[in-house]
Amino acid sequence: MVSALDSEITGSTYADPDIAACFSDEAEIQAYLAFEIALAKSQENLGIIPQGCAAVIADALDGATIDYRNLERGFRNDGIIVPELIAVLRSQLPAGAANYLHFGVTSQDVIDTALTLRMKRVIELITRKNERLCAQLITLIQDHRYTLTIARTRNQNAAPTIFGLKVVNWLRPLQRRQDAIRSMMPNLLKLQLGGAVGTMAALGTQAEELNSILAEELGLQAAESPWHVQRDEMVGFSDWLSTTAGTVGKMGQDMLLLSQSEIAELRFKQGGKSSTLPNKSNPVLPEFLITLAKYTQFLSNTFKSTLVASNERDGISIMLENLTLPSLACAAGASISLASNAIDLLEVDCDAMARNIERDGGRFLAEAMSFQLRSIMGKAEASRLVGEACSASLRNGTHMIDELSSAVEADFDWNSLKNPLNALGEAQKIIDRSLG
């Protein structure tokens, strides 16, 4: 073990197991074989290779014996495993068919297409998890669309809000993440077929037709041009992964702050334990979400280096992509799964929210009262009076509006102005729009 993501103890938490399986050695080799089988079939259909070769190649590759130790030595020598893999496979084919395995293509055609096939599965897994999380958040919003609480800006009490509206801040970015990946997929999930330097020269005049047929065979889009050194779409996917994890991290940050002992508006049914402090119920799940958000951001920033690729092939970009993308995808997927778990275990303490509102002494109505006073005086004077009332409220342990009503002669319904429900603006309409 060299990473917490592949540890038998921590791996299933930091790395989504289903997504991790997409990046296993076996999954990678199987994707390589799927490319070679589909290539031979498509080439035979076009008459590029002799009739009968595709079936021979498919049969041999389906039952191929592959010693990973040979691939390990090949990788150390070549920086990629495809040359050694093709040599091993050719050794298990009849001479005639062996000549037509991997015909006219290059190693990166195999590497990139195999990665794209696995990314397709990764996207299916992550979006399915994200859909579940969004459904959970919608339920949470509906359950608490009338739960009054304190909105906090820069970690200070600010104004009244609805807890359901806080959750809207978690939901809407995740829904936009779903829209974003759907729009990205046509450009992201593309076949790679360029040959040695991206000209398709070895494939002759049928190269373009092969590009279309092979893409259809593999369930991918045909590329307008080989993208060996065009890594912008891959970088866009890495950004999507880190932004999705970062969005989940914001959820974790809010949960962490609201579960502090002094606030205690949220807690988890199975909090983390301390070895020496039996009073503790640590908010470990939010900590995971924040940690993974920061980790994926680091990986995504590193991944951007692949954009600076040299000429028509860049081994450094290939290696760096192989080092970063699996961890990035696994960590992003794990963050969504952990967020779903957090929602399942989340307890919203409405009584604590009410106590915190009472403890605030009405000072979180300062904005509402500033605008109320502006109906009878200027802005500066209104702000001064409300500020003085807030200071007096804090000093005397009284309600801010009681202090203000003593200082201002106005024909207001002061009791009505004390009610935070009258200072919620368009909160319910915003929730309605967010829920569609």
Protein backbone atom coordinates (compact mmCIF):
# COMPACT_ATOMS: atom_id res chain seq x y z
CA MET A 1 0.00 0.00 0.00
CA VAL A 2 1.31 3.44 -0.97
CA SER A 3 -1.90 5.43 -0.71
CA ALA A 4 -4.84 5.74 1.67
CA LEU A 5 -7.00 5.15 -1.41
CA ASP A 6 -5.79 1.57 -1.82
CA SER A 7 -5.47 0.66 1.86
CA GLU A 8 -7.58 -2.25 3.05
CA ILE A 9 -8.55 -0.08 6.04
CA THR A 10 -9.15 3.37 4.55
CA GLY A 11 -9.53 2.64 0.85
CA SER A 12 -13.27 1.97 0.79
CA THR A 13 -13.87 5.35 2.45
CA TYR A 14 -11.49 7.56 0.48
CA ALA A 15 -12.05 5.78 -2.86
CA ASP A 16 -15.40 4.60 -4.17
CA PRO A 17 -14.97 0.81 -4.66
CA ASP A 18 -17.12 0.63 -7.81
CA ILE A 19 -15.16 3.42 -9.46
CA ALA A 20 -11.85 1.99 -8.26
CA ALA A 21 -12.74 -1.25 -10.05
CA CYS A 22 -12.82 0.71 -13.34
CA PHE A 23 -9.14 1.52 -12.87
CA SER A 24 -7.92 -1.92 -11.84
CA ASP A 25 -5.27 -3.69 -13.92
CA GLU A 26 -7.88 -6.17 -15.05
CA ALA A 27 -10.34 -3.47 -16.15
CA GLU A 28 -7.58 -1.68 -18.06
CA ILE A 29 -6.46 -4.85 -19.87
CA GLN A 30 -10.04 -5.82 -20.67
CA ALA A 31 -10.65 -2.38 -22.18
CA TYR A 32 -7.49 -2.77 -24.29
CA LEU A 33 -8.72 -6.14 -25.53
CA ALA A 34 -12.18 -4.75 -26.29
CA PHE A 35 -10.56 -2.08 -28.46
CA GLU A 36 -8.44 -4.59 -30.36
CA ILE A 37 -11.38 -6.94 -30.95
CA ALA A 38 -13.63 -4.11 -32.14
CA LEU A 39 -10.83 -2.75 -34.32
CA ALA A 40 -10.31 -6.09 -36.04
CA LYS A 41 -14.05 -6.56 -36.58
CA SER A 42 -14.48 -3.06 -38.03
CA GLN A 43 -11.40 -3.43 -40.26
CA GLU A 44 -12.60 -6.77 -41.56
CA ASN A 45 -16.01 -5.29 -42.40
CA LEU A 46 -14.24 -2.67 -44.50
CA GLY A 47 -11.88 -5.15 -46.14
CA ILE A 48 -8.82 -3.60 -44.51
CA ILE A 49 -7.79 -6.97 -43.07
CA PRO A 50 -8.61 -10.41 -44.57
CA GLN A 51 -11.92 -12.11 -43.90
CA GLY A 52 -11.83 -14.47 -40.95
CA CYS A 53 -9.08 -12.65 -39.08
CA ALA A 54 -11.46 -10.84 -36.73
CA ALA A 55 -13.00 -14.04 -35.41
CA VAL A 56 -9.58 -15.59 -34.85
CA ILE A 57 -8.38 -12.47 -33.04
CA ALA A 58 -11.52 -12.27 -30.92
CA ASP A 59 -11.31 -15.94 -29.89
CA ALA A 60 -7.64 -15.65 -28.99
CA LEU A 61 -8.03 -12.44 -27.03
CA ASP A 62 -11.06 -13.76 -25.14
CA GLY A 63 -8.98 -16.67 -23.89
CA ALA A 64 -5.59 -14.96 -23.79
CA THR A 65 -3.12 -15.81 -21.03
CA ILE A 66 -1.46 -12.64 -19.79
CA ASP A 67 1.39 -12.66 -17.30
CA TYR A 68 1.32 -9.30 -15.53
CA ARG A 69 5.01 -9.67 -14.67
CA ASN A 70 5.82 -9.37 -18.37
CA LEU A 71 3.67 -6.27 -18.58
CA GLU A 72 5.45 -4.86 -15.55
CA ARG A 73 8.82 -5.27 -17.26
CA GLY A 74 7.41 -3.84 -20.46
CA PHE A 75 6.04 -0.81 -18.68
CA ARG A 76 9.34 -0.12 -16.97
CA ASN A 77 11.07 -0.25 -20.35
CA ASP A 78 8.47 1.46 -22.58
CA GLY A 79 6.57 3.72 -20.16
CA ILE A 80 3.34 2.10 -21.38
CA ILE A 81 2.15 -1.50 -21.39
CA VAL A 82 0.69 -1.71 -24.90
CA PRO A 83 3.83 -2.78 -26.83
CA GLU A 84 4.48 -5.69 -24.48
CA LEU A 85 0.79 -6.61 -24.38
CA ILE A 86 0.55 -6.71 -28.16
CA ALA A 87 3.68 -8.86 -28.32
CA VAL A 88 2.18 -11.30 -25.81
CA LEU A 89 -1.12 -11.45 -27.70
CA ARG A 90 0.55 -11.94 -31.07
CA SER A 91 2.48 -14.86 -29.65
CA GLN A 92 -0.85 -16.57 -28.95
CA LEU A 93 -2.25 -16.01 -32.45
CA PRO A 94 -1.70 -17.90 -35.68
CA ALA A 95 0.91 -16.15 -37.82
CA GLY A 96 -1.59 -14.92 -40.40
CA ALA A 97 -3.93 -13.33 -37.87
CA ALA A 98 -1.07 -12.03 -35.72
CA ASN A 99 -0.03 -9.75 -38.58
CA TYR A 100 -3.42 -8.02 -38.42
CA LEU A 101 -3.72 -7.50 -34.69
CA HIS A 102 -3.35 -3.81 -33.80
CA PHE A 103 -3.22 -3.06 -37.52
CA GLY A 104 -2.47 0.55 -38.45
CA VAL A 105 -2.95 2.00 -34.97
CA THR A 106 -0.61 3.23 -32.24
CA SER A 107 -0.34 2.56 -28.53
CA GLN A 108 -2.06 5.78 -27.53
CA ASP A 109 -5.05 4.92 -29.70
CA VAL A 110 -5.49 1.90 -27.46
CA ILE A 111 -4.68 3.71 -24.21
CA ASP A 112 -7.00 6.66 -24.78
CA THR A 113 -9.90 4.65 -26.16
CA ALA A 114 -9.65 2.14 -23.32
CA LEU A 115 -9.62 5.00 -20.84
CA THR A 116 -12.64 6.56 -22.52
CA LEU A 117 -14.55 3.28 -22.30
CA ARG A 118 -13.85 3.15 -18.58
CA MET A 119 -14.66 6.82 -18.09
CA LYS A 120 -18.05 6.16 -19.62
CA ARG A 121 -18.69 3.66 -16.83
CA VAL A 122 -17.26 6.04 -14.22
CA ILE A 123 -19.61 8.79 -15.35
CA GLU A 124 -22.57 6.41 -15.17
CA LEU A 125 -21.63 5.50 -11.60
CA ILE A 126 -20.99 9.04 -10.40
CA THR A 127 -24.10 10.54 -11.97
CA ARG A 128 -26.24 7.77 -10.50
CA LYS A 129 -24.82 8.50 -7.06
CA ASN A 130 -25.33 12.21 -7.60
CA GLU A 131 -28.95 11.68 -8.63
CA ARG A 132 -29.56 9.81 -5.38
CA LEU A 133 -27.93 12.57 -3.36
CA CYS A 134 -30.03 15.22 -5.12
CA ALA A 135 -33.19 13.24 -4.36
CA GLN A 136 -32.19 13.09 -0.69
CA LEU A 137 -31.59 16.84 -0.61
CA ILE A 138 -34.96 17.53 -2.23
CA THR A 139 -36.63 15.49 0.52
CA LEU A 140 -34.65 17.41 3.16
CA ILE A 141 -35.76 20.72 1.64
CA GLN A 142 -39.38 19.64 1.62
CA ASP A 143 -39.15 18.47 5.23
CA HIS A 144 -37.70 21.81 6.37
CA ARG A 145 -39.12 24.40 4.04
CA TYR A 146 -40.77 26.11 7.02
CA THR A 147 -38.04 25.52 9.62
CA LEU A 148 -36.92 28.96 10.76
CA THR A 149 -33.21 29.35 11.44
CA ILE A 150 -30.41 31.91 11.43
CA ALA A 151 -28.55 32.74 8.24
CA ARG A 152 -24.90 33.36 8.95
CA THR A 153 -22.47 35.39 6.89
CA ARG A 154 -18.75 35.21 7.63
CA ASN A 155 -19.72 32.90 10.51
CA GLN A 156 -21.73 35.62 12.26
CA ASN A 157 -25.51 35.75 12.81
CA ALA A 158 -26.92 37.75 9.91
CA ALA A 159 -30.67 37.50 9.25
CA PRO A 160 -33.59 35.06 9.36
CA THR A 161 -33.78 32.28 6.80
CA ILE A 162 -35.30 28.83 6.28
CA PHE A 163 -33.24 25.70 6.79
CA GLY A 164 -34.70 24.34 3.56
CA LEU A 165 -33.19 27.33 1.76
CA LYS A 166 -29.79 26.49 3.23
CA VAL A 167 -30.15 23.06 1.66
CA VAL A 168 -31.00 24.66 -1.68
CA ASN A 169 -27.42 25.95 -1.62
CA TRP A 170 -26.31 22.31 -1.52
CA LEU A 171 -28.77 21.03 -4.10
CA ARG A 172 -28.62 23.48 -6.99
CA PRO A 173 -24.87 23.25 -7.70
CA LEU A 174 -25.12 19.46 -7.76
CA GLN A 175 -27.99 19.66 -10.23
CA ARG A 176 -25.88 21.96 -12.40
CA ARG A 177 -23.05 19.43 -12.17
CA GLN A 178 -25.43 16.86 -13.69
CA ASP A 179 -26.31 19.25 -16.51
CA ALA A 180 -22.63 20.01 -17.08
CA ILE A 181 -21.51 16.39 -17.45
CA ARG A 182 -24.36 15.65 -19.84
CA SER A 183 -23.24 18.51 -22.06
CA MET A 184 -19.60 17.38 -21.83
CA MET A 185 -20.14 13.74 -22.75
CA PRO A 186 -20.39 14.08 -26.56
CA ASN A 187 -16.95 15.72 -26.72
CA LEU A 188 -15.45 13.68 -23.90
CA LEU A 189 -16.44 10.15 -24.83
CA LYS A 190 -14.71 9.97 -28.20
CA LEU A 191 -12.79 7.30 -29.99
CA GLN A 192 -9.06 7.82 -30.35
CA LEU A 193 -7.82 6.73 -33.77
CA GLY A 194 -4.84 8.54 -35.21
CA GLY A 195 -2.03 6.14 -35.85
CA ALA A 196 1.59 6.95 -35.23
CA VAL A 197 1.43 10.76 -35.49
CA GLY A 198 -2.27 11.48 -35.83
CA THR A 199 -2.50 11.32 -39.63
CA MET A 200 -4.14 7.85 -39.92
CA ALA A 201 -1.65 7.26 -42.74
CA ALA A 202 -1.30 3.51 -42.16
CA LEU A 203 -5.06 3.04 -42.50
CA GLY A 204 -5.20 4.32 -46.07
CA THR A 205 -8.23 5.82 -47.76
CA GLN A 206 -10.71 4.05 -45.49
CA ALA A 207 -9.43 5.71 -42.34
CA GLU A 208 -12.36 8.07 -41.95
CA GLU A 209 -14.90 5.34 -42.54
CA LEU A 210 -13.13 3.14 -40.02
CA ASN A 211 -13.20 6.01 -37.53
CA SER A 212 -17.00 6.12 -37.76
CA ILE A 213 -17.62 2.37 -37.78
CA LEU A 214 -15.24 1.63 -34.90
CA ALA A 215 -16.71 4.44 -32.78
CA GLU A 216 -20.18 3.01 -33.30
CA GLU A 217 -18.96 -0.48 -32.49
CA LEU A 218 -17.56 0.73 -29.16
CA GLY A 219 -20.50 3.00 -28.32
CA LEU A 220 -18.39 6.16 -28.55
CA GLN A 221 -18.41 9.31 -30.63
CA ALA A 222 -16.15 9.59 -33.66
CA ALA A 223 -13.53 12.31 -33.21
CA GLU A 224 -13.09 15.09 -35.77
CA SER A 225 -9.34 14.76 -35.32
CA PRO A 226 -7.04 12.51 -33.28
CA TRP A 227 -6.66 14.03 -29.81
CA HIS A 228 -3.36 12.45 -28.74
CA VAL A 229 -2.05 15.82 -27.52
CA GLN A 230 -5.41 17.61 -27.24
CA ARG A 231 -6.10 17.04 -23.55
CA ASP A 232 -8.55 19.91 -22.93
CA GLU A 233 -11.61 17.65 -22.72
CA MET A 234 -9.83 15.37 -20.28
CA VAL A 235 -8.83 18.38 -18.19
CA GLY A 236 -12.44 19.55 -18.36
CA PHE A 237 -13.50 16.20 -16.92
CA SER A 238 -10.93 16.45 -14.15
CA ASP A 239 -12.27 19.92 -13.36
CA TRP A 240 -15.79 18.51 -13.30
CA LEU A 241 -14.73 15.86 -10.82
CA SER A 242 -13.00 18.32 -8.50
CA THR A 243 -15.80 20.88 -8.77
CA THR A 244 -18.37 18.22 -7.94
CA ALA A 245 -16.33 17.14 -4.92
CA GLY A 246 -15.86 20.80 -3.99
CA THR A 247 -19.61 21.34 -4.14
CA VAL A 248 -20.08 18.41 -1.80
CA GLY A 249 -17.31 19.88 0.37
CA LYS A 250 -19.37 23.06 0.83
CA MET A 251 -22.13 20.87 2.18
CA GLY A 252 -19.64 19.33 4.59
CA GLN A 253 -18.39 22.76 5.65
CA ASP A 254 -21.91 23.89 6.55
CA MET A 255 -22.58 20.66 8.41
CA LEU A 256 -19.34 21.01 10.34
CA LEU A 257 -20.10 24.56 11.44
CA LEU A 258 -23.72 23.85 12.36
CA SER A 259 -22.74 20.80 14.42
CA GLN A 260 -20.36 22.76 16.66
CA SER A 261 -21.21 22.42 20.34
CA GLU A 262 -22.09 26.10 20.66
CA ILE A 263 -24.57 25.90 17.77
CA ALA A 264 -25.67 22.24 17.79
CA GLU A 265 -28.32 22.64 15.11
CA LEU A 266 -27.15 19.51 13.30
CA ARG A 267 -25.81 16.20 14.55
CA PHE A 268 -25.28 12.70 13.22
CA LYS A 269 -26.84 9.50 14.51
CA GLN A 270 -23.45 7.80 14.52
CA GLY A 271 -20.90 10.43 15.44
CA GLY A 272 -17.21 9.65 15.65
CA LYS A 273 -15.80 8.50 18.98
CA SER A 274 -12.84 9.80 20.95
CA SER A 275 -10.41 7.46 22.70
CA THR A 276 -10.36 9.63 25.84
CA LEU A 277 -13.39 11.97 25.68
CA PRO A 278 -16.68 10.07 26.14
CA ASN A 279 -18.63 13.34 25.76
CA LYS A 280 -17.58 13.65 22.12
CA SER A 281 -19.62 12.79 19.00
CA ASN A 282 -17.31 14.00 16.29
CA PRO A 283 -18.74 15.12 12.90
CA VAL A 284 -16.43 12.81 10.96
CA LEU A 285 -18.56 12.61 7.81
CA PRO A 286 -18.37 16.37 7.15
CA GLU A 287 -14.63 16.19 7.76
CA PHE A 288 -14.33 13.52 5.06
CA LEU A 289 -16.29 15.70 2.61
CA ILE A 290 -14.07 18.72 3.18
CA THR A 291 -10.88 16.65 3.02
CA LEU A 292 -11.86 15.03 -0.29
CA ALA A 293 -12.85 18.41 -1.73
CA LYS A 294 -9.38 19.76 -1.02
CA TYR A 295 -7.65 16.60 -2.20
CA THR A 296 -9.47 16.52 -5.53
CA GLN A 297 -8.68 20.18 -6.10
CA PHE A 298 -4.98 19.40 -5.67
CA LEU A 299 -5.20 16.50 -8.12
CA SER A 300 -7.15 18.52 -10.66
CA ASN A 301 -4.58 21.30 -10.55
CA THR A 302 -1.84 18.74 -11.15
CA PHE A 303 -3.84 17.19 -14.00
CA LYS A 304 -3.85 20.51 -15.84
CA SER A 305 -0.14 20.01 -16.54
CA THR A 306 -1.15 17.46 -19.20
CA LEU A 307 -2.28 20.37 -21.38
CA VAL A 308 1.36 21.27 -22.00
CA ALA A 309 2.00 18.32 -24.32
CA SER A 310 4.93 18.20 -26.72
CA ASN A 311 4.48 17.91 -30.48
CA GLU A 312 2.43 14.88 -31.61
CA ARG A 313 3.04 12.60 -28.62
CA ASP A 314 3.97 13.30 -25.04
CA GLY A 315 4.91 10.45 -22.73
CA ILE A 316 4.97 12.72 -19.70
CA SER A 317 1.33 13.68 -20.16
CA ILE A 318 0.39 10.02 -20.54
CA MET A 319 2.17 9.09 -17.31
CA LEU A 320 0.83 12.06 -15.34
CA GLU A 321 -2.72 11.33 -16.47
CA ASN A 322 -2.32 7.72 -15.40
CA LEU A 323 -1.09 8.82 -11.97
CA THR A 324 -3.78 11.39 -11.22
CA LEU A 325 -7.08 10.58 -12.95
CA PRO A 326 -7.87 7.29 -11.16
CA SER A 327 -7.34 8.84 -7.72
CA LEU A 328 -9.31 11.91 -8.71
CA ALA A 329 -12.30 9.93 -9.98
CA CYS A 330 -12.26 7.55 -7.01
CA ALA A 331 -12.09 10.38 -4.46
CA ALA A 332 -14.82 12.41 -6.17
CA GLY A 333 -17.10 9.38 -6.28
CA ALA A 334 -16.38 8.65 -2.63
CA SER A 335 -17.30 12.20 -1.64
CA ILE A 336 -20.77 11.81 -3.15
CA SER A 337 -21.31 8.44 -1.49
CA LEU A 338 -20.21 9.83 1.88
CA ALA A 339 -22.51 12.84 1.42
CA SER A 340 -25.46 10.48 0.87
CA ASN A 341 -24.48 8.65 4.03
CA ALA A 342 -24.28 11.97 5.88
CA ILE A 343 -27.82 12.92 4.81
CA ASP A 344 -29.10 9.50 5.88
CA LEU A 345 -27.57 10.00 9.34
CA LEU A 346 -28.31 13.72 9.67
CA GLU A 347 -30.53 14.96 12.49
CA VAL A 348 -31.83 18.52 12.29
CA ASP A 349 -32.44 19.95 15.75
CA CYS A 350 -35.26 22.46 15.26
CA ASP A 351 -35.36 23.17 19.00
CA ALA A 352 -31.69 24.18 18.94
CA MET A 353 -32.44 26.50 16.02
CA ALA A 354 -35.24 28.08 18.05
CA ARG A 355 -32.97 28.47 21.08
CA ASN A 356 -30.29 30.12 18.98
CA ILE A 357 -32.88 32.53 17.60
CA GLU A 358 -34.00 33.36 21.14
CA ARG A 359 -30.39 33.80 22.24
CA ASP A 360 -29.77 36.22 19.37
CA GLY A 361 -32.11 38.74 21.00
CA GLY A 362 -33.59 39.92 17.72
CA ARG A 363 -30.31 41.36 16.47
CA PHE A 364 -30.59 39.24 13.34
CA LEU A 365 -33.52 41.50 12.40
CA ALA A 366 -31.18 44.47 12.01
CA GLU A 367 -31.41 44.57 8.23
CA ALA A 368 -35.20 44.40 8.28
CA MET A 369 -35.40 47.21 10.84
CA SER A 370 -32.93 49.39 8.95
CA PHE A 371 -35.20 49.28 5.93
CA GLN A 372 -38.28 49.76 8.10
CA LEU A 373 -36.84 52.97 9.58
CA ARG A 374 -35.87 54.26 6.16
CA SER A 375 -39.56 54.80 5.54
CA ILE A 376 -39.42 57.68 8.01
CA MET A 377 -35.77 58.81 7.97
CA GLY A 378 -32.54 58.71 6.00
CA LYS A 379 -30.35 55.66 5.56
CA ALA A 380 -27.48 56.88 7.72
CA GLU A 381 -29.73 57.76 10.65
CA ALA A 382 -31.61 54.46 10.37
CA SER A 383 -28.37 52.48 10.38
CA ARG A 384 -27.08 54.43 13.39
CA LEU A 385 -30.20 53.83 15.45
CA VAL A 386 -30.38 50.14 14.65
CA GLY A 387 -26.68 49.73 15.43
CA GLU A 388 -27.14 51.43 18.81
CA ALA A 389 -30.17 49.24 19.53
CA CYS A 390 -28.12 46.12 18.73
CA SER A 391 -25.36 47.23 21.11
CA ALA A 392 -27.88 47.98 23.86
CA SER A 393 -29.59 44.62 23.31
CA LEU A 394 -26.31 42.78 23.66
CA ARG A 395 -25.33 44.80 26.70
CA ASN A 396 -28.66 44.57 28.52
CA GLY A 397 -29.80 41.12 27.44
CA THR A 398 -32.94 42.59 25.90
CA HIS A 399 -34.62 42.26 22.52
CA MET A 400 -33.17 44.61 19.91
CA ILE A 401 -36.58 45.80 18.75
CA ASP A 402 -37.58 46.67 22.33
CA GLU A 403 -34.48 48.85 22.54
CA LEU A 404 -35.26 50.38 19.16
CA SER A 405 -38.91 51.11 19.99
CA SER A 406 -37.74 53.03 23.08
CA ALA A 407 -35.45 55.19 20.97
CA VAL A 408 -37.73 55.85 18.00
CA GLU A 409 -41.14 57.46 17.95
CA ALA A 410 -42.98 55.74 15.12
CA ASP A 411 -46.41 54.29 14.54
CA PHE A 412 -45.14 50.77 13.83
CA ASP A 413 -46.58 47.41 14.81
CA TRP A 414 -43.51 46.59 16.88
CA ASN A 415 -44.75 43.14 17.91
CA SER A 416 -45.23 42.18 14.27
CA LEU A 417 -41.73 43.44 13.46
CA LYS A 418 -40.36 41.11 16.14
CA ASN A 419 -41.60 38.08 14.21
CA PRO A 420 -38.76 36.70 12.04
CA LEU A 421 -41.29 35.09 9.72
CA ASN A 422 -42.07 38.57 8.45
CA ALA A 423 -38.44 39.08 7.39
CA LEU A 424 -38.00 36.10 5.08
CA GLY A 425 -38.44 37.91 1.80
CA GLU A 426 -38.86 35.56 -1.17
CA ALA A 427 -37.52 32.46 0.62
CA GLN A 428 -40.53 30.27 -0.19
CA LYS A 429 -40.64 31.35 -3.82
CA ILE A 430 -36.93 30.62 -4.18
CA ILE A 431 -37.50 27.14 -2.75
CA ASP A 432 -40.41 26.61 -5.15
CA ARG A 433 -38.28 27.58 -8.13
CA SER A 434 -35.41 25.39 -6.94
CA LEU A 435 -37.66 22.37 -6.62
CA GLY A 436 -39.07 22.98 -10.07
